[in-house]
Amino acid sequence: MGTTPSFWLHVNPSSGVPLYLQLKEQLKRAIGGGVFRPGDRLPAVRELAVEAVLNPNTVARVYRELETDGYITTQRGIGTFVAADPGPRLSESERERALAAAGGRFLAETAQLGLSAGDAVSYLVRRCGVGAHGSLPGPAKE
């Protein structure tokens, strides 16, 4: 079973986008981007609801929709897993575009807080726990 850093998920109640849709899209990106790989066990509904500060019914709805869409499978009494063939992986250019958009939003918001780009980068380094050789910690595998 894979474990992932807790910072892969960020649901923003004030964004104007429904919470279930934010969670669904983030899970799809995490699967397409390789954070979760085929066969990886996803957090239980209640566990993810606590982590994301969402109603368990919201998480259950997202899991049902992702299962219908073929991204995940549920084995009753065992857990929810990324499907063996969860659909198309994000291409390098798609990942680059998504990263550029996320980075742009992050830098804009930090500037609105009166922080420099250097302050923003320093925060990310501390938050991500960059290793001795400049690498970010990836998902741990058992």
Protein backbone atom coordinates (compact mmCIF):
# COMPACT_ATOMS: atom_id res chain seq x y z
CA MET A 1 0.00 0.00 0.00
CA GLY A 2 1.33 3.43 -0.88
CA THR A 3 1.34 6.36 1.47
CA THR A 4 1.45 9.93 0.29
CA PRO A 5 2.43 13.24 1.79
CA SER A 6 -0.59 14.97 3.27
CA PHE A 7 -0.04 18.08 1.15
CA TRP A 8 -1.36 16.52 -2.09
CA LEU A 9 -4.86 17.61 -1.08
CA HIS A 10 -6.18 21.13 -0.66
CA VAL A 11 -9.90 21.84 -0.67
CA ASN A 12 -10.83 25.53 -0.55
CA PRO A 13 -14.37 26.21 0.72
CA SER A 14 -14.27 29.83 -0.47
CA SER A 15 -13.18 29.10 -4.06
CA GLY A 16 -16.67 29.00 -5.54
CA VAL A 17 -16.05 25.50 -6.95
CA PRO A 18 -18.15 22.81 -5.23
CA LEU A 19 -16.12 20.88 -2.66
CA TYR A 20 -16.94 17.48 -4.15
CA LEU A 21 -15.73 18.68 -7.56
CA GLN A 22 -12.47 20.03 -6.09
CA LEU A 23 -11.82 16.70 -4.40
CA LYS A 24 -12.76 14.69 -7.50
CA GLU A 25 -10.46 16.72 -9.77
CA GLN A 26 -7.59 16.58 -7.28
CA LEU A 27 -7.90 12.81 -7.00
CA LYS A 28 -8.00 12.48 -10.80
CA ARG A 29 -4.86 14.63 -11.08
CA ALA A 30 -3.12 12.66 -8.30
CA ILE A 31 -3.91 9.42 -10.15
CA GLY A 32 -3.01 10.80 -13.58
CA GLY A 33 0.13 12.43 -12.23
CA GLY A 34 1.39 9.29 -10.51
CA VAL A 35 0.92 10.30 -6.86
CA PHE A 36 -1.35 7.25 -6.69
CA ARG A 37 -0.45 4.32 -8.94
CA PRO A 38 -2.54 1.37 -10.13
CA GLY A 39 -3.25 -0.91 -7.18
CA ASP A 40 -2.50 1.74 -4.54
CA ARG A 41 -4.99 1.80 -1.72
CA LEU A 42 -6.75 5.13 -1.25
CA PRO A 43 -7.64 6.50 2.18
CA ALA A 44 -10.90 5.21 3.65
CA VAL A 45 -13.90 7.51 3.20
CA ARG A 46 -13.89 8.62 6.84
CA GLU A 47 -10.11 9.06 6.91
CA LEU A 48 -10.14 11.28 3.81
CA ALA A 49 -13.16 13.19 5.12
CA VAL A 50 -11.25 14.02 8.31
CA GLU A 51 -8.10 15.01 6.40
CA ALA A 52 -10.01 17.21 3.93
CA VAL A 53 -12.47 18.50 6.55
CA LEU A 54 -15.41 17.30 4.47
CA ASN A 55 -18.60 15.42 5.17
CA PRO A 56 -18.06 11.67 4.68
CA ASN A 57 -21.04 11.67 2.29
CA THR A 58 -19.13 14.09 0.05
CA VAL A 59 -16.11 11.79 -0.08
CA ALA A 60 -18.35 8.76 -0.69
CA ARG A 61 -19.98 10.61 -3.62
CA VAL A 62 -16.58 11.38 -5.12
CA TYR A 63 -15.47 7.76 -4.75
CA ARG A 64 -18.70 6.53 -6.41
CA GLU A 65 -18.22 8.91 -9.35
CA LEU A 66 -14.54 8.00 -9.74
CA GLU A 67 -15.47 4.33 -9.70
CA THR A 68 -18.14 4.92 -12.35
CA ASP A 69 -15.53 6.80 -14.42
CA GLY A 70 -13.09 3.88 -14.11
CA TYR A 71 -10.41 5.57 -12.00
CA ILE A 72 -10.85 3.45 -8.88
CA THR A 73 -12.31 0.15 -7.71
CA THR A 74 -13.84 -0.69 -4.36
CA GLN A 75 -13.52 -4.07 -2.72
CA ARG A 76 -16.19 -4.24 -0.06
CA GLY A 77 -14.65 -4.75 3.37
CA ILE A 78 -11.11 -4.37 2.02
CA GLY A 79 -10.78 -0.85 0.65
CA THR A 80 -10.70 1.44 -2.35
CA PHE A 81 -7.88 1.11 -4.86
CA VAL A 82 -6.63 2.84 -7.99
CA ALA A 83 -7.87 0.83 -10.97
CA ALA A 84 -5.41 -1.34 -12.91
CA ASP A 85 -5.96 0.91 -15.94
CA PRO A 86 -7.16 4.22 -14.47
CA GLY A 87 -7.21 6.04 -17.78
CA PRO A 88 -4.76 8.34 -19.48
CA ARG A 89 -1.69 9.51 -17.59
CA LEU A 90 -0.92 13.19 -17.73
CA SER A 91 1.58 13.98 -20.46
CA GLU A 92 4.69 15.95 -19.62
CA SER A 93 3.22 19.06 -21.28
CA GLU A 94 -0.06 18.68 -19.34
CA ARG A 95 1.90 18.36 -16.10
CA GLU A 96 3.97 21.41 -17.02
CA ARG A 97 0.84 23.49 -17.78
CA ALA A 98 -0.81 22.42 -14.52
CA LEU A 99 2.36 23.19 -12.56
CA ALA A 100 2.70 26.61 -14.22
CA ALA A 101 -0.92 27.45 -13.39
CA ALA A 102 -0.57 26.29 -9.78
CA GLY A 103 2.74 28.13 -9.39
CA GLY A 104 1.25 31.30 -10.83
CA ARG A 105 -1.67 31.17 -8.40
CA PHE A 106 0.69 30.51 -5.49
CA LEU A 107 3.01 33.39 -6.37
CA ALA A 108 0.08 35.77 -6.92
CA GLU A 109 -1.40 34.91 -3.54
CA THR A 110 1.93 35.24 -1.74
CA ALA A 111 2.49 38.62 -3.41
CA GLN A 112 -0.96 39.69 -2.19
CA LEU A 113 0.25 38.79 1.31
CA GLY A 114 3.23 41.08 0.82
CA LEU A 115 5.74 38.25 0.45
CA SER A 116 8.53 38.06 -2.13
CA ALA A 117 9.05 35.16 -4.52
CA GLY A 118 12.09 34.24 -2.39
CA ASP A 119 9.90 34.06 0.71
CA ALA A 120 7.47 31.84 -1.20
CA VAL A 121 10.25 29.49 -2.33
CA SER A 122 11.69 29.34 1.20
CA TYR A 123 8.27 28.39 2.51
CA LEU A 124 7.92 25.60 -0.06
CA VAL A 125 11.35 24.23 0.78
CA ARG A 126 10.44 24.12 4.49
CA ARG A 127 6.96 22.74 3.83
CA CYS A 128 8.11 20.00 1.47
CA GLY A 129 11.16 18.99 3.46
CA VAL A 130 13.64 19.09 0.60
CA GLY A 131 16.32 16.45 1.12
CA ALA A 132 20.07 16.90 1.32
CA HIS A 133 20.48 16.57 -2.45
CA GLY A 134 17.63 18.94 -3.33
CA SER A 135 15.10 16.20 -3.96
CA LEU A 136 11.57 16.26 -2.70
CA PRO A 137 10.29 13.30 -0.73
CA GLY A 138 8.08 11.10 -2.92
CA PRO A 139 5.38 8.63 -2.03
CA ALA A 140 6.78 5.91 0.24
CA LYS A 141 6.24 2.32 -0.82
CA GLU A 142 6.02 -0.67 1.47
